[in-house]
All heavy atoms as atom14 arrays in JSON, in Angstrom:
{
  "sequence": "MPSASVPMLSISHWALQLIDAIVLIAWPDTLQYTQIATAFGIDSGLP",
  "atom14_mask": [
    [1, 1, 1, 1, 1, 1, 1, 1, 0, 0, 0, 0, 0, 0],
    [1, 1, 1, 1, 1, 1, 1, 0, 0, 0, 0, 0, 0, 0],
    [1, 1, 1, 1, 1, 1, 0, 0, 0, 0, 0, 0, 0, 0],
    [1, 1, 1, 1, 1, 0, 0, 0, 0, 0, 0, 0, 0, 0],
    [1, 1, 1, 1, 1, 1, 0, 0, 0, 0, 0, 0, 0, 0],
    [1, 1, 1, 1, 1, 1, 1, 0, 0, 0, 0, 0, 0, 0],
    [1, 1, 1, 1, 1, 1, 1, 0, 0, 0, 0, 0, 0, 0],
    [1, 1, 1, 1, 1, 1, 1, 1, 0, 0, 0, 0, 0, 0],
    [1, 1, 1, 1, 1, 1, 1, 1, 0, 0, 0, 0, 0, 0],
    [1, 1, 1, 1, 1, 1, 0, 0, 0, 0, 0, 0, 0, 0],
    [1, 1, 1, 1, 1, 1, 1, 1, 0, 0, 0, 0, 0, 0],
    [1, 1, 1, 1, 1, 1, 0, 0, 0, 0, 0, 0, 0, 0],
    [1, 1, 1, 1, 1, 1, 1, 1, 1, 1, 0, 0, 0, 0],
    [1, 1, 1, 1, 1, 1, 1, 1, 1, 1, 1, 1, 1, 1],
    [1, 1, 1, 1, 1, 0, 0, 0, 0, 0, 0, 0, 0, 0],
    [1, 1, 1, 1, 1, 1, 1, 1, 0, 0, 0, 0, 0, 0],
    [1, 1, 1, 1, 1, 1, 1, 1, 1, 0, 0, 0, 0, 0],
    [1, 1, 1, 1, 1, 1, 1, 1, 0, 0, 0, 0, 0, 0],
    [1, 1, 1, 1, 1, 1, 1, 1, 0, 0, 0, 0, 0, 0],
    [1, 1, 1, 1, 1, 1, 1, 1, 0, 0, 0, 0, 0, 0],
    [1, 1, 1, 1, 1, 0, 0, 0, 0, 0, 0, 0, 0, 0],
    [1, 1, 1, 1, 1, 1, 1, 1, 0, 0, 0, 0, 0, 0],
    [1, 1, 1, 1, 1, 1, 1, 0, 0, 0, 0, 0, 0, 0],
    [1, 1, 1, 1, 1, 1, 1, 1, 0, 0, 0, 0, 0, 0],
    [1, 1, 1, 1, 1, 1, 1, 1, 0, 0, 0, 0, 0, 0],
    [1, 1, 1, 1, 1, 0, 0, 0, 0, 0, 0, 0, 0, 0],
    [1, 1, 1, 1, 1, 1, 1, 1, 1, 1, 1, 1, 1, 1],
    [1, 1, 1, 1, 1, 1, 1, 0, 0, 0, 0, 0, 0, 0],
    [1, 1, 1, 1, 1, 1, 1, 1, 0, 0, 0, 0, 0, 0],
    [1, 1, 1, 1, 1, 1, 1, 0, 0, 0, 0, 0, 0, 0],
    [1, 1, 1, 1, 1, 1, 1, 1, 0, 0, 0, 0, 0, 0],
    [1, 1, 1, 1, 1, 1, 1, 1, 1, 0, 0, 0, 0, 0],
    [1, 1, 1, 1, 1, 1, 1, 1, 1, 1, 1, 1, 0, 0],
    [1, 1, 1, 1, 1, 1, 1, 0, 0, 0, 0, 0, 0, 0],
    [1, 1, 1, 1, 1, 1, 1, 1, 1, 0, 0, 0, 0, 0],
    [1, 1, 1, 1, 1, 1, 1, 1, 0, 0, 0, 0, 0, 0],
    [1, 1, 1, 1, 1, 0, 0, 0, 0, 0, 0, 0, 0, 0],
    [1, 1, 1, 1, 1, 1, 1, 0, 0, 0, 0, 0, 0, 0],
    [1, 1, 1, 1, 1, 0, 0, 0, 0, 0, 0, 0, 0, 0],
    [1, 1, 1, 1, 1, 1, 1, 1, 1, 1, 1, 0, 0, 0],
    [1, 1, 1, 1, 0, 0, 0, 0, 0, 0, 0, 0, 0, 0],
    [1, 1, 1, 1, 1, 1, 1, 1, 0, 0, 0, 0, 0, 0],
    [1, 1, 1, 1, 1, 1, 1, 1, 0, 0, 0, 0, 0, 0],
    [1, 1, 1, 1, 1, 1, 0, 0, 0, 0, 0, 0, 0, 0],
    [1, 1, 1, 1, 0, 0, 0, 0, 0, 0, 0, 0, 0, 0],
    [1, 1, 1, 1, 1, 1, 1, 1, 0, 0, 0, 0, 0, 0],
    [1, 1, 1, 1, 1, 1, 1, 0, 0, 0, 0, 0, 0, 0]
  ],
  "atom14_positions": [
    [[114.69, 130.25, 37.75], [114.54, 131.42, 36.87], [114.73, 132.72, 37.67], [113.86, 133.35, 37.98], [113.1, 131.48, 36.3], [112.79, 130.31, 35.49], [111.14, 130.31, 34.7], [110.2, 130.18, 36.23], [0.0, 0.0, 0.0], [0.0, 0.0, 0.0], [0.0, 0.0, 0.0], [0.0, 0.0, 0.0], [0.0, 0.0, 0.0], [0.0, 0.0, 0.0]],
    [[116.09, 133.02, 37.9], [116.41, 134.13, 38.7], [115.9, 135.47, 38.16], [115.86, 136.46, 38.9], [117.87, 134.1, 38.79], [118.36, 133.32, 37.67], [117.16, 132.26, 37.4], [0.0, 0.0, 0.0], [0.0, 0.0, 0.0], [0.0, 0.0, 0.0], [0.0, 0.0, 0.0], [0.0, 0.0, 0.0], [0.0, 0.0, 0.0], [0.0, 0.0, 0.0]],
    [[115.76, 135.6, 36.93], [115.45, 136.85, 36.22], [113.83, 137.1, 36.23], [113.43, 138.19, 35.77], [115.91, 136.94, 34.78], [117.29, 136.75, 34.73], [0.0, 0.0, 0.0], [0.0, 0.0, 0.0], [0.0, 0.0, 0.0], [0.0, 0.0, 0.0], [0.0, 0.0, 0.0], [0.0, 0.0, 0.0], [0.0, 0.0, 0.0], [0.0, 0.0, 0.0]],
    [[113.1, 136.12, 36.74], [111.68, 136.3, 36.72], [111.26, 137.49, 37.7], [111.98, 137.7, 38.7], [110.95, 135.03, 37.12], [0.0, 0.0, 0.0], [0.0, 0.0, 0.0], [0.0, 0.0, 0.0], [0.0, 0.0, 0.0], [0.0, 0.0, 0.0], [0.0, 0.0, 0.0], [0.0, 0.0, 0.0], [0.0, 0.0, 0.0], [0.0, 0.0, 0.0]],
    [[110.11, 138.11, 37.37], [109.76, 139.27, 38.1], [109.01, 139.04, 39.41], [109.08, 139.6, 40.47], [108.85, 140.24, 37.29], [109.63, 140.68, 36.09], [0.0, 0.0, 0.0], [0.0, 0.0, 0.0], [0.0, 0.0, 0.0], [0.0, 0.0, 0.0], [0.0, 0.0, 0.0], [0.0, 0.0, 0.0], [0.0, 0.0, 0.0], [0.0, 0.0, 0.0]],
    [[108.05, 137.96, 39.28], [107.15, 137.58, 40.45], [107.94, 137.23, 41.67], [107.61, 137.71, 42.77], [106.15, 136.47, 39.98], [105.31, 135.98, 41.17], [105.32, 136.91, 38.89], [0.0, 0.0, 0.0], [0.0, 0.0, 0.0], [0.0, 0.0, 0.0], [0.0, 0.0, 0.0], [0.0, 0.0, 0.0], [0.0, 0.0, 0.0], [0.0, 0.0, 0.0]],
    [[108.94, 136.47, 41.55], [109.71, 136.19, 42.79], [110.28, 137.36, 43.61], [110.56, 137.25, 44.79], [110.89, 135.19, 42.41], [110.24, 134.62, 41.1], [109.5, 135.66, 40.45], [0.0, 0.0, 0.0], [0.0, 0.0, 0.0], [0.0, 0.0, 0.0], [0.0, 0.0, 0.0], [0.0, 0.0, 0.0], [0.0, 0.0, 0.0], [0.0, 0.0, 0.0]],
    [[110.38, 138.46, 42.9], [110.91, 139.64, 43.62], [109.96, 140.05, 44.72], [110.36, 140.89, 45.67], [110.99, 140.79, 42.55], [112.18, 140.52, 41.57], [112.21, 141.82, 40.31], [112.52, 143.3, 41.25], [0.0, 0.0, 0.0], [0.0, 0.0, 0.0], [0.0, 0.0, 0.0], [0.0, 0.0, 0.0], [0.0, 0.0, 0.0], [0.0, 0.0, 0.0]],
    [[108.73, 139.53, 44.75], [107.83, 139.91, 45.65], [107.94, 139.07, 46.96], [107.0, 139.04, 47.84], [106.39, 139.8, 45.23], [106.06, 140.75, 43.97], [104.65, 140.51, 43.53], [106.27, 142.19, 44.35], [0.0, 0.0, 0.0], [0.0, 0.0, 0.0], [0.0, 0.0, 0.0], [0.0, 0.0, 0.0], [0.0, 0.0, 0.0], [0.0, 0.0, 0.0]],
    [[108.98, 138.34, 47.04], [109.23, 137.47, 48.26], [110.52, 137.69, 48.92], [111.48, 138.29, 48.36], [109.19, 135.97, 47.78], [110.39, 135.64, 46.96], [0.0, 0.0, 0.0], [0.0, 0.0, 0.0], [0.0, 0.0, 0.0], [0.0, 0.0, 0.0], [0.0, 0.0, 0.0], [0.0, 0.0, 0.0], [0.0, 0.0, 0.0], [0.0, 0.0, 0.0]],
    [[110.66, 137.3, 50.19], [111.87, 137.54, 50.97], [112.95, 136.51, 50.53], [114.19, 136.76, 50.4], [111.51, 137.39, 52.48], [110.74, 138.53, 52.93], [112.87, 137.45, 53.32], [110.21, 138.38, 54.38], [0.0, 0.0, 0.0], [0.0, 0.0, 0.0], [0.0, 0.0, 0.0], [0.0, 0.0, 0.0], [0.0, 0.0, 0.0], [0.0, 0.0, 0.0]],
    [[112.49, 135.25, 50.23], [113.5, 134.21, 49.76], [114.15, 134.6, 48.62], [115.4, 134.2, 48.41], [112.71, 132.93, 49.68], [111.67, 133.05, 48.69], [0.0, 0.0, 0.0], [0.0, 0.0, 0.0], [0.0, 0.0, 0.0], [0.0, 0.0, 0.0], [0.0, 0.0, 0.0], [0.0, 0.0, 0.0], [0.0, 0.0, 0.0], [0.0, 0.0, 0.0]],
    [[113.59, 135.35, 47.61], [114.21, 135.7, 46.4], [115.41, 136.49, 46.69], [116.51, 136.38, 46.19], [113.24, 136.53, 45.49], [113.92, 137.12, 44.25], [114.23, 136.41, 43.16], [114.41, 138.42, 44.09], [114.86, 137.2, 42.3], [114.88, 138.32, 42.87], [0.0, 0.0, 0.0], [0.0, 0.0, 0.0], [0.0, 0.0, 0.0], [0.0, 0.0, 0.0]],
    [[115.34, 137.54, 47.53], [116.36, 138.47, 47.84], [117.42, 137.77, 48.76], [118.64, 138.16, 48.64], [115.81, 139.71, 48.63], [114.95, 140.49, 47.66], [113.53, 140.47, 47.7], [115.29, 141.39, 46.55], [113.13, 141.33, 46.64], [114.14, 141.83, 45.95], [116.49, 141.64, 45.97], [114.15, 142.75, 44.93], [116.6, 142.56, 44.98], [115.4, 142.97, 44.46]],
    [[117.03, 136.79, 49.57], [118.02, 136.08, 50.3], [118.95, 135.22, 49.41], [120.14, 135.23, 49.56], [117.25, 135.23, 51.31], [0.0, 0.0, 0.0], [0.0, 0.0, 0.0], [0.0, 0.0, 0.0], [0.0, 0.0, 0.0], [0.0, 0.0, 0.0], [0.0, 0.0, 0.0], [0.0, 0.0, 0.0], [0.0, 0.0, 0.0], [0.0, 0.0, 0.0]],
    [[118.32, 134.61, 48.37], [119.03, 133.73, 47.56], [119.96, 134.58, 46.55], [121.08, 134.23, 46.24], [118.12, 132.88, 46.71], [117.47, 131.83, 47.44], [116.34, 131.16, 46.61], [118.4, 130.79, 47.9], [0.0, 0.0, 0.0], [0.0, 0.0, 0.0], [0.0, 0.0, 0.0], [0.0, 0.0, 0.0], [0.0, 0.0, 0.0], [0.0, 0.0, 0.0]],
    [[119.42, 135.81, 46.21], [120.28, 136.72, 45.42], [121.46, 137.2, 46.24], [122.57, 137.35, 45.7], [119.41, 137.92, 45.02], [118.55, 137.67, 43.89], [119.27, 137.43, 42.57], [119.78, 138.46, 42.04], [119.11, 136.34, 42.03], [0.0, 0.0, 0.0], [0.0, 0.0, 0.0], [0.0, 0.0, 0.0], [0.0, 0.0, 0.0], [0.0, 0.0, 0.0]],
    [[121.24, 137.44, 47.54], [122.36, 137.83, 48.45], [123.42, 136.73, 48.48], [124.56, 137.0, 48.5], [121.74, 138.07, 49.68], [122.76, 138.49, 50.85], [123.63, 139.63, 50.38], [122.06, 138.84, 52.14], [0.0, 0.0, 0.0], [0.0, 0.0, 0.0], [0.0, 0.0, 0.0], [0.0, 0.0, 0.0], [0.0, 0.0, 0.0], [0.0, 0.0, 0.0]],
    [[122.95, 135.51, 48.63], [123.94, 134.39, 48.65], [124.71, 134.22, 47.48], [125.85, 133.98, 47.37], [123.23, 133.14, 49.14], [122.66, 133.15, 50.56], [124.12, 131.84, 49.07], [121.85, 132.07, 51.07], [0.0, 0.0, 0.0], [0.0, 0.0, 0.0], [0.0, 0.0, 0.0], [0.0, 0.0, 0.0], [0.0, 0.0, 0.0], [0.0, 0.0, 0.0]],
    [[123.94, 134.29, 46.27], [124.56, 134.24, 44.91], [125.65, 135.22, 44.83], [126.77, 134.95, 44.26], [123.61, 134.35, 43.85], [122.62, 133.16, 43.73], [122.97, 132.17, 44.3], [121.58, 133.22, 43.19], [0.0, 0.0, 0.0], [0.0, 0.0, 0.0], [0.0, 0.0, 0.0], [0.0, 0.0, 0.0], [0.0, 0.0, 0.0], [0.0, 0.0, 0.0]],
    [[125.41, 136.42, 45.29], [126.44, 137.46, 45.19], [127.63, 137.16, 46.12], [128.74, 137.48, 45.73], [125.8, 138.91, 45.54], [0.0, 0.0, 0.0], [0.0, 0.0, 0.0], [0.0, 0.0, 0.0], [0.0, 0.0, 0.0], [0.0, 0.0, 0.0], [0.0, 0.0, 0.0], [0.0, 0.0, 0.0], [0.0, 0.0, 0.0], [0.0, 0.0, 0.0]],
    [[127.26, 136.72, 47.27], [128.43, 136.35, 48.26], [129.37, 135.38, 47.64], [130.57, 135.33, 47.77], [127.92, 136.03, 49.63], [127.18, 137.22, 50.27], [128.95, 135.37, 50.44], [126.4, 136.84, 51.48], [0.0, 0.0, 0.0], [0.0, 0.0, 0.0], [0.0, 0.0, 0.0], [0.0, 0.0, 0.0], [0.0, 0.0, 0.0], [0.0, 0.0, 0.0]],
    [[128.73, 134.27, 47.04], [129.48, 133.2, 46.45], [130.47, 133.76, 45.42], [131.62, 133.41, 45.26], [128.61, 132.19, 45.89], [129.33, 131.19, 45.06], [127.78, 131.39, 46.99], [0.0, 0.0, 0.0], [0.0, 0.0, 0.0], [0.0, 0.0, 0.0], [0.0, 0.0, 0.0], [0.0, 0.0, 0.0], [0.0, 0.0, 0.0], [0.0, 0.0, 0.0]],
    [[129.84, 134.64, 44.46], [130.7, 135.19, 43.36], [131.79, 136.11, 43.92], [132.85, 136.13, 43.28], [129.75, 136.05, 42.42], [130.32, 136.38, 41.01], [130.84, 135.14, 40.35], [129.3, 137.1, 40.26], [0.0, 0.0, 0.0], [0.0, 0.0, 0.0], [0.0, 0.0, 0.0], [0.0, 0.0, 0.0], [0.0, 0.0, 0.0], [0.0, 0.0, 0.0]],
    [[131.53, 136.79, 44.97], [132.54, 137.68, 45.55], [133.66, 136.77, 46.14], [134.89, 136.98, 45.98], [131.99, 138.6, 46.62], [131.03, 139.66, 46.0], [133.06, 139.31, 47.36], [130.39, 140.45, 46.89], [0.0, 0.0, 0.0], [0.0, 0.0, 0.0], [0.0, 0.0, 0.0], [0.0, 0.0, 0.0], [0.0, 0.0, 0.0], [0.0, 0.0, 0.0]],
    [[133.31, 135.7, 46.86], [134.37, 134.88, 47.56], [135.04, 134.03, 46.53], [136.23, 133.66, 46.71], [133.69, 134.03, 48.67], [0.0, 0.0, 0.0], [0.0, 0.0, 0.0], [0.0, 0.0, 0.0], [0.0, 0.0, 0.0], [0.0, 0.0, 0.0], [0.0, 0.0, 0.0], [0.0, 0.0, 0.0], [0.0, 0.0, 0.0], [0.0, 0.0, 0.0]],
    [[134.25, 133.49, 45.63], [134.83, 132.54, 44.58], [134.49, 133.16, 43.21], [133.56, 132.69, 42.55], [134.15, 131.2, 44.73], [134.49, 130.41, 45.95], [135.6, 130.66, 46.74], [133.68, 129.38, 46.56], [135.49, 129.72, 47.84], [134.18, 129.03, 47.77], [132.34, 128.87, 46.39], [133.78, 128.07, 48.61], [131.98, 127.89, 47.19], [132.61, 127.57, 48.31]],
    [[135.4, 134.05, 42.68], [135.16, 134.77, 41.47], [135.15, 133.75, 40.27], [134.56, 134.06, 39.25], [136.3, 135.72, 41.41], [136.74, 135.84, 42.71], [136.54, 134.65, 43.35], [0.0, 0.0, 0.0], [0.0, 0.0, 0.0], [0.0, 0.0, 0.0], [0.0, 0.0, 0.0], [0.0, 0.0, 0.0], [0.0, 0.0, 0.0], [0.0, 0.0, 0.0]],
    [[135.87, 132.56, 40.39], [135.81, 131.64, 39.3], [134.52, 130.85, 39.0], [134.38, 130.08, 38.14], [136.93, 130.66, 39.53], [138.3, 131.32, 39.45], [138.46, 132.28, 38.78], [139.23, 130.77, 40.03], [0.0, 0.0, 0.0], [0.0, 0.0, 0.0], [0.0, 0.0, 0.0], [0.0, 0.0, 0.0], [0.0, 0.0, 0.0], [0.0, 0.0, 0.0]],
    [[133.59, 131.1, 40.0], [132.28, 130.28, 39.89], [131.54, 130.56, 38.59], [131.1, 129.65, 37.93], [131.37, 130.69, 41.07], [131.99, 130.49, 42.32], [130.11, 129.8, 41.04], [0.0, 0.0, 0.0], [0.0, 0.0, 0.0], [0.0, 0.0, 0.0], [0.0, 0.0, 0.0], [0.0, 0.0, 0.0], [0.0, 0.0, 0.0], [0.0, 0.0, 0.0]],
    [[131.52, 131.84, 38.17], [130.94, 132.13, 36.9], [131.62, 131.46, 35.76], [130.95, 130.93, 34.8], [130.87, 133.67, 36.69], [130.13, 134.15, 35.46], [128.72, 133.62, 35.35], [130.2, 135.67, 35.35], [0.0, 0.0, 0.0], [0.0, 0.0, 0.0], [0.0, 0.0, 0.0], [0.0, 0.0, 0.0], [0.0, 0.0, 0.0], [0.0, 0.0, 0.0]],
    [[132.93, 131.4, 35.7], [133.67, 130.76, 34.65], [133.38, 129.31, 34.66], [133.23, 128.75, 33.58], [135.17, 131.05, 34.88], [136.17, 130.55, 33.82], [137.5, 130.75, 34.02], [137.91, 131.48, 34.91], [138.4, 130.23, 33.12], [0.0, 0.0, 0.0], [0.0, 0.0, 0.0], [0.0, 0.0, 0.0], [0.0, 0.0, 0.0], [0.0, 0.0, 0.0]],
    [[133.4, 128.7, 35.84], [133.14, 127.21, 35.91], [131.71, 126.94, 35.25], [131.59, 125.9, 34.52], [133.17, 126.77, 37.27], [134.52, 126.88, 37.98], [134.79, 126.95, 39.23], [135.68, 126.62, 37.08], [136.05, 127.0, 39.77], [136.97, 126.69, 37.64], [137.13, 126.81, 38.92], [138.41, 126.91, 39.5], [0.0, 0.0, 0.0], [0.0, 0.0, 0.0]],
    [[130.77, 127.8, 35.49], [129.44, 127.59, 35.05], [129.42, 127.7, 33.46], [128.74, 126.97, 32.89], [128.46, 128.59, 35.75], [128.5, 128.49, 37.06], [127.02, 128.36, 35.19], [0.0, 0.0, 0.0], [0.0, 0.0, 0.0], [0.0, 0.0, 0.0], [0.0, 0.0, 0.0], [0.0, 0.0, 0.0], [0.0, 0.0, 0.0], [0.0, 0.0, 0.0]],
    [[130.21, 128.68, 33.01], [130.16, 128.87, 31.58], [130.85, 127.69, 30.86], [130.46, 127.31, 29.74], [130.94, 130.21, 31.23], [130.0, 131.41, 31.69], [130.89, 132.72, 31.61], [132.01, 132.67, 31.46], [130.06, 133.85, 31.63], [0.0, 0.0, 0.0], [0.0, 0.0, 0.0], [0.0, 0.0, 0.0], [0.0, 0.0, 0.0], [0.0, 0.0, 0.0]],
    [[131.99, 127.27, 31.42], [132.63, 126.08, 30.87], [131.69, 124.88, 30.8], [131.71, 124.08, 29.89], [133.91, 125.76, 31.72], [134.95, 126.89, 31.51], [134.58, 124.43, 31.31], [136.17, 126.76, 32.38], [0.0, 0.0, 0.0], [0.0, 0.0, 0.0], [0.0, 0.0, 0.0], [0.0, 0.0, 0.0], [0.0, 0.0, 0.0], [0.0, 0.0, 0.0]],
    [[131.0, 124.59, 32.02], [130.12, 123.46, 32.04], [129.06, 123.58, 31.02], [128.65, 122.47, 30.37], [129.53, 123.32, 33.4], [0.0, 0.0, 0.0], [0.0, 0.0, 0.0], [0.0, 0.0, 0.0], [0.0, 0.0, 0.0], [0.0, 0.0, 0.0], [0.0, 0.0, 0.0], [0.0, 0.0, 0.0], [0.0, 0.0, 0.0], [0.0, 0.0, 0.0]],
    [[128.54, 124.81, 30.78], [127.46, 124.98, 29.91], [128.06, 124.64, 28.39], [127.47, 124.06, 27.49], [126.84, 126.24, 29.91], [126.32, 126.56, 31.21], [125.68, 126.5, 28.9], [0.0, 0.0, 0.0], [0.0, 0.0, 0.0], [0.0, 0.0, 0.0], [0.0, 0.0, 0.0], [0.0, 0.0, 0.0], [0.0, 0.0, 0.0], [0.0, 0.0, 0.0]],
    [[129.23, 125.32, 28.09], [129.72, 125.19, 26.81], [130.1, 123.77, 26.35], [129.95, 123.44, 25.24], [131.07, 126.1, 26.68], [0.0, 0.0, 0.0], [0.0, 0.0, 0.0], [0.0, 0.0, 0.0], [0.0, 0.0, 0.0], [0.0, 0.0, 0.0], [0.0, 0.0, 0.0], [0.0, 0.0, 0.0], [0.0, 0.0, 0.0], [0.0, 0.0, 0.0]],
    [[130.57, 123.0, 27.28], [130.94, 121.61, 26.95], [129.86, 120.6, 27.37], [130.1, 119.38, 27.29], [132.24, 121.22, 27.81], [133.46, 121.92, 27.25], [133.92, 123.11, 27.75], [134.19, 121.47, 26.18], [135.03, 123.79, 27.29], [135.22, 122.12, 25.58], [135.72, 123.28, 26.16], [0.0, 0.0, 0.0], [0.0, 0.0, 0.0], [0.0, 0.0, 0.0]],
    [[128.7, 121.03, 27.84], [127.57, 120.23, 28.05], [127.85, 119.2, 29.25], [127.43, 118.13, 29.34], [0.0, 0.0, 0.0], [0.0, 0.0, 0.0], [0.0, 0.0, 0.0], [0.0, 0.0, 0.0], [0.0, 0.0, 0.0], [0.0, 0.0, 0.0], [0.0, 0.0, 0.0], [0.0, 0.0, 0.0], [0.0, 0.0, 0.0], [0.0, 0.0, 0.0]],
    [[128.61, 119.78, 30.26], [128.96, 119.01, 31.41], [127.78, 119.24, 32.55], [127.41, 120.37, 32.78], [130.21, 119.48, 32.13], [131.38, 119.31, 31.05], [130.57, 118.7, 33.32], [132.71, 119.91, 31.59], [0.0, 0.0, 0.0], [0.0, 0.0, 0.0], [0.0, 0.0, 0.0], [0.0, 0.0, 0.0], [0.0, 0.0, 0.0], [0.0, 0.0, 0.0]],
    [[127.19, 118.19, 32.99], [126.15, 118.24, 34.01], [126.79, 118.39, 35.32], [126.92, 117.38, 36.06], [125.33, 117.05, 33.89], [123.99, 117.27, 34.81], [123.78, 118.36, 35.27], [123.34, 116.19, 35.06], [0.0, 0.0, 0.0], [0.0, 0.0, 0.0], [0.0, 0.0, 0.0], [0.0, 0.0, 0.0], [0.0, 0.0, 0.0], [0.0, 0.0, 0.0]],
    [[127.1, 119.58, 35.77], [127.78, 119.85, 37.02], [126.73, 119.99, 38.21], [127.17, 119.89, 39.41], [128.61, 121.13, 36.97], [127.81, 122.26, 36.77], [0.0, 0.0, 0.0], [0.0, 0.0, 0.0], [0.0, 0.0, 0.0], [0.0, 0.0, 0.0], [0.0, 0.0, 0.0], [0.0, 0.0, 0.0], [0.0, 0.0, 0.0], [0.0, 0.0, 0.0]],
    [[125.56, 120.28, 37.9], [124.57, 120.47, 39.02], [124.62, 121.91, 39.57], [123.69, 122.4, 40.23], [0.0, 0.0, 0.0], [0.0, 0.0, 0.0], [0.0, 0.0, 0.0], [0.0, 0.0, 0.0], [0.0, 0.0, 0.0], [0.0, 0.0, 0.0], [0.0, 0.0, 0.0], [0.0, 0.0, 0.0], [0.0, 0.0, 0.0], [0.0, 0.0, 0.0]],
    [[125.69, 122.69, 39.18], [125.96, 124.03, 39.81], [124.81, 124.96, 39.43], [124.44, 125.71, 40.23], [127.22, 124.57, 39.41], [127.67, 125.9, 39.93], [127.83, 125.81, 41.48], [129.07, 126.35, 39.3], [0.0, 0.0, 0.0], [0.0, 0.0, 0.0], [0.0, 0.0, 0.0], [0.0, 0.0, 0.0], [0.0, 0.0, 0.0], [0.0, 0.0, 0.0]],
    [[124.4, 125.04, 38.14], [123.24, 125.88, 37.71], [122.01, 125.85, 38.54], [121.29, 126.77, 38.66], [122.95, 125.66, 36.29], [124.32, 125.12, 35.76], [124.78, 124.21, 36.99], [0.0, 0.0, 0.0], [0.0, 0.0, 0.0], [0.0, 0.0, 0.0], [0.0, 0.0, 0.0], [0.0, 0.0, 0.0], [0.0, 0.0, 0.0], [0.0, 0.0, 0.0]]
  ]
}
């Protein structure tokens, strides 16, 4: 639940957000792949 407010009070939350941002910068298609998997009900494990 990345949008939850309570985890913002932890260091691990910001570290994982940082990694998520880096992945999206390096691999811009990651978001598209996630949306495709969700739309077609594919259990990719990526989310």
